[in-house]
Amino acid sequence: MRTHPLQIVRDCNGYIQQTMTLRASGERVTERITINEEMGEINYIKCDASGKPGVVECVFAIHTLHVHWKAPYQMAQDTFPTLCR
């Protein structure tokens, strides 16, 4: 989901906190983000108005897959950025 430019990004003890305004709804959202490099995961937890983390966690997992790519290189350049939008 597209957002306005991030308003606040803070490096906290063990997580990154970001606050942004969503374009679609105008809602102001604060999230705690943790990164686990060993697992290849980025975890997002939406916080309430007081900054307390909620119970729902969104996990973006990146797993390594080794395959013999037979498609043209340009196809990979066009495909992978779309996955990250």
C-alpha atoms as a PDB file:
ATOM      1  CA  MET A   1       0.000   0.000   0.000  1.00  0.00           C
ATOM      2  CA  ARG A   2       1.365   3.392  -0.929  1.00  0.00           C
ATOM      3  CA  THR A   3       1.849   5.909   1.856  1.00  0.00           C
ATOM      4  CA  HIS A   4       2.795   9.521   2.215  1.00  0.00           C
ATOM      5  CA  PRO A   5       6.489   9.915   2.903  1.00  0.00           C
ATOM      6  CA  LEU A   6       7.393   8.481   6.276  1.00  0.00           C
ATOM      7  CA  GLN A   7       6.919  11.079   8.950  1.00  0.00           C
ATOM      8  CA  ILE A   8       8.962   9.500  11.726  1.00  0.00           C
ATOM      9  CA  VAL A   9      11.465   6.633  11.725  1.00  0.00           C
ATOM     10  CA  ARG A  10      13.187   5.808  15.006  1.00  0.00           C
ATOM     11  CA  ASP A  11      15.829   3.194  15.780  1.00  0.00           C
ATOM     12  CA  CYS A  12      14.697   1.709  19.100  1.00  0.00           C
ATOM     13  CA  ASN A  13      16.104  -1.056  21.281  1.00  0.00           C
ATOM     14  CA  GLY A  14      15.584  -4.197  19.180  1.00  0.00           C
ATOM     15  CA  TYR A  15      13.179  -2.737  16.611  1.00  0.00           C
ATOM     16  CA  ILE A  16      12.542   0.158  14.255  1.00  0.00           C
ATOM     17  CA  GLN A  17       9.441   2.267  14.776  1.00  0.00           C
ATOM     18  CA  GLN A  18       7.868   4.032  11.831  1.00  0.00           C
ATOM     19  CA  THR A  19       4.894   6.361  11.761  1.00  0.00           C
ATOM     20  CA  MET A  20       3.169   7.251   8.498  1.00  0.00           C
ATOM     21  CA  THR A  21      -0.115   8.487   7.086  1.00  0.00           C
ATOM     22  CA  LEU A  22      -1.927   6.139   4.700  1.00  0.00           C
ATOM     23  CA  ARG A  23      -3.033   7.810   1.472  1.00  0.00           C
ATOM     24  CA  ALA A  24      -6.167   5.726   1.028  1.00  0.00           C
ATOM     25  CA  SER A  25      -7.721   6.441   4.422  1.00  0.00           C
ATOM     26  CA  GLY A  26      -5.688   9.268   5.932  1.00  0.00           C
ATOM     27  CA  GLU A  27      -5.154   7.028   8.969  1.00  0.00           C
ATOM     28  CA  ARG A  28      -1.985   7.678  10.974  1.00  0.00           C
ATOM     29  CA  VAL A  29      -0.236   4.333  11.561  1.00  0.00           C
ATOM     30  CA  THR A  30       2.645   3.419  13.858  1.00  0.00           C
ATOM     31  CA  GLU A  31       4.422   0.085  13.380  1.00  0.00           C
ATOM     32  CA  ARG A  32       7.212  -1.779  15.113  1.00  0.00           C
ATOM     33  CA  ILE A  33       9.488  -3.474  12.616  1.00  0.00           C
ATOM     34  CA  THR A  34      11.937  -6.236  13.484  1.00  0.00           C
ATOM     35  CA  ILE A  35      14.354  -7.897  11.085  1.00  0.00           C
ATOM     36  CA  ASN A  36      15.597 -11.452  11.492  1.00  0.00           C
ATOM     37  CA  GLU A  37      18.374 -11.845   8.944  1.00  0.00           C
ATOM     38  CA  GLU A  38      19.007 -15.505   9.778  1.00  0.00           C
ATOM     39  CA  MET A  39      15.367 -16.414   9.063  1.00  0.00           C
ATOM     40  CA  GLY A  40      15.064 -13.940   6.173  1.00  0.00           C
ATOM     41  CA  GLU A  41      12.046 -12.258   7.796  1.00  0.00           C
ATOM     42  CA  ILE A  42      10.813  -8.711   8.320  1.00  0.00           C
ATOM     43  CA  ASN A  43       8.038  -8.484  10.924  1.00  0.00           C
ATOM     44  CA  TYR A  44       5.560  -5.608  11.139  1.00  0.00           C
ATOM     45  CA  ILE A  45       3.326  -5.094  14.194  1.00  0.00           C
ATOM     46  CA  LYS A  46       0.765  -2.271  14.111  1.00  0.00           C
ATOM     47  CA  CYS A  47       0.656  -0.284  17.363  1.00  0.00           C
ATOM     48  CA  ASP A  48      -2.317   1.350  19.058  1.00  0.00           C
ATOM     49  CA  ALA A  49      -2.605   5.105  19.684  1.00  0.00           C
ATOM     50  CA  SER A  50      -0.435   4.864  22.820  1.00  0.00           C
ATOM     51  CA  GLY A  51       2.338   3.039  20.921  1.00  0.00           C
ATOM     52  CA  LYS A  52       1.624  -0.378  22.444  1.00  0.00           C
ATOM     53  CA  PRO A  53       2.110  -3.223  19.916  1.00  0.00           C
ATOM     54  CA  GLY A  54      -1.044  -5.014  18.794  1.00  0.00           C
ATOM     55  CA  VAL A  55      -1.572  -8.749  18.545  1.00  0.00           C
ATOM     56  CA  VAL A  56      -1.497  -9.070  14.743  1.00  0.00           C
ATOM     57  CA  GLU A  57       1.909  -9.506  13.139  1.00  0.00           C
ATOM     58  CA  CYS A  58       2.570  -9.285   9.411  1.00  0.00           C
ATOM     59  CA  VAL A  59       5.629 -11.272   8.305  1.00  0.00           C
ATOM     60  CA  PHE A  60       7.439 -10.653   5.032  1.00  0.00           C
ATOM     61  CA  ALA A  61       9.619 -13.724   4.466  1.00  0.00           C
ATOM     62  CA  ILE A  62      12.372 -13.973   1.898  1.00  0.00           C
ATOM     63  CA  HIS A  63      13.519 -17.506   1.253  1.00  0.00           C
ATOM     64  CA  THR A  64      16.432 -18.446  -0.937  1.00  0.00           C
ATOM     65  CA  LEU A  65      15.505 -20.551  -3.911  1.00  0.00           C
ATOM     66  CA  HIS A  66      18.178 -21.881  -6.212  1.00  0.00           C
ATOM     67  CA  VAL A  67      16.864 -22.703  -9.649  1.00  0.00           C
ATOM     68  CA  HIS A  68      18.280 -22.631 -13.117  1.00  0.00           C
ATOM     69  CA  TRP A  69      16.687 -19.503 -14.584  1.00  0.00           C
ATOM     70  CA  LYS A  70      15.915 -20.054 -18.257  1.00  0.00           C
ATOM     71  CA  ALA A  71      13.958 -16.852 -18.877  1.00  0.00           C
ATOM     72  CA  PRO A  72      15.654 -13.733 -20.253  1.00  0.00           C
ATOM     73  CA  TYR A  73      17.505 -11.564 -17.735  1.00  0.00           C
ATOM     74  CA  GLN A  74      15.193  -8.609 -18.489  1.00  0.00           C
ATOM     75  CA  MET A  75      12.196 -10.680 -17.342  1.00  0.00           C
ATOM     76  CA  ALA A  76      13.816 -11.117 -13.926  1.00  0.00           C
ATOM     77  CA  GLN A  77      14.522  -7.388 -13.738  1.00  0.00           C
ATOM     78  CA  ASP A  78      10.854  -6.665 -14.518  1.00  0.00           C
ATOM     79  CA  THR A  79       9.408  -9.343 -12.202  1.00  0.00           C
ATOM     80  CA  PHE A  80      11.286  -8.975  -8.913  1.00  0.00           C
ATOM     81  CA  PRO A  81      10.632  -5.265  -8.288  1.00  0.00           C
ATOM     82  CA  THR A  82       6.910  -5.976  -8.726  1.00  0.00           C
ATOM     83  CA  LEU A  83       7.060  -8.508  -5.879  1.00  0.00           C
ATOM     84  CA  CYS A  84       8.423  -5.844  -3.541  1.00  0.00           C
ATOM     85  CA  ARG A  85       5.810  -3.156  -4.232  1.00  0.00           C
END
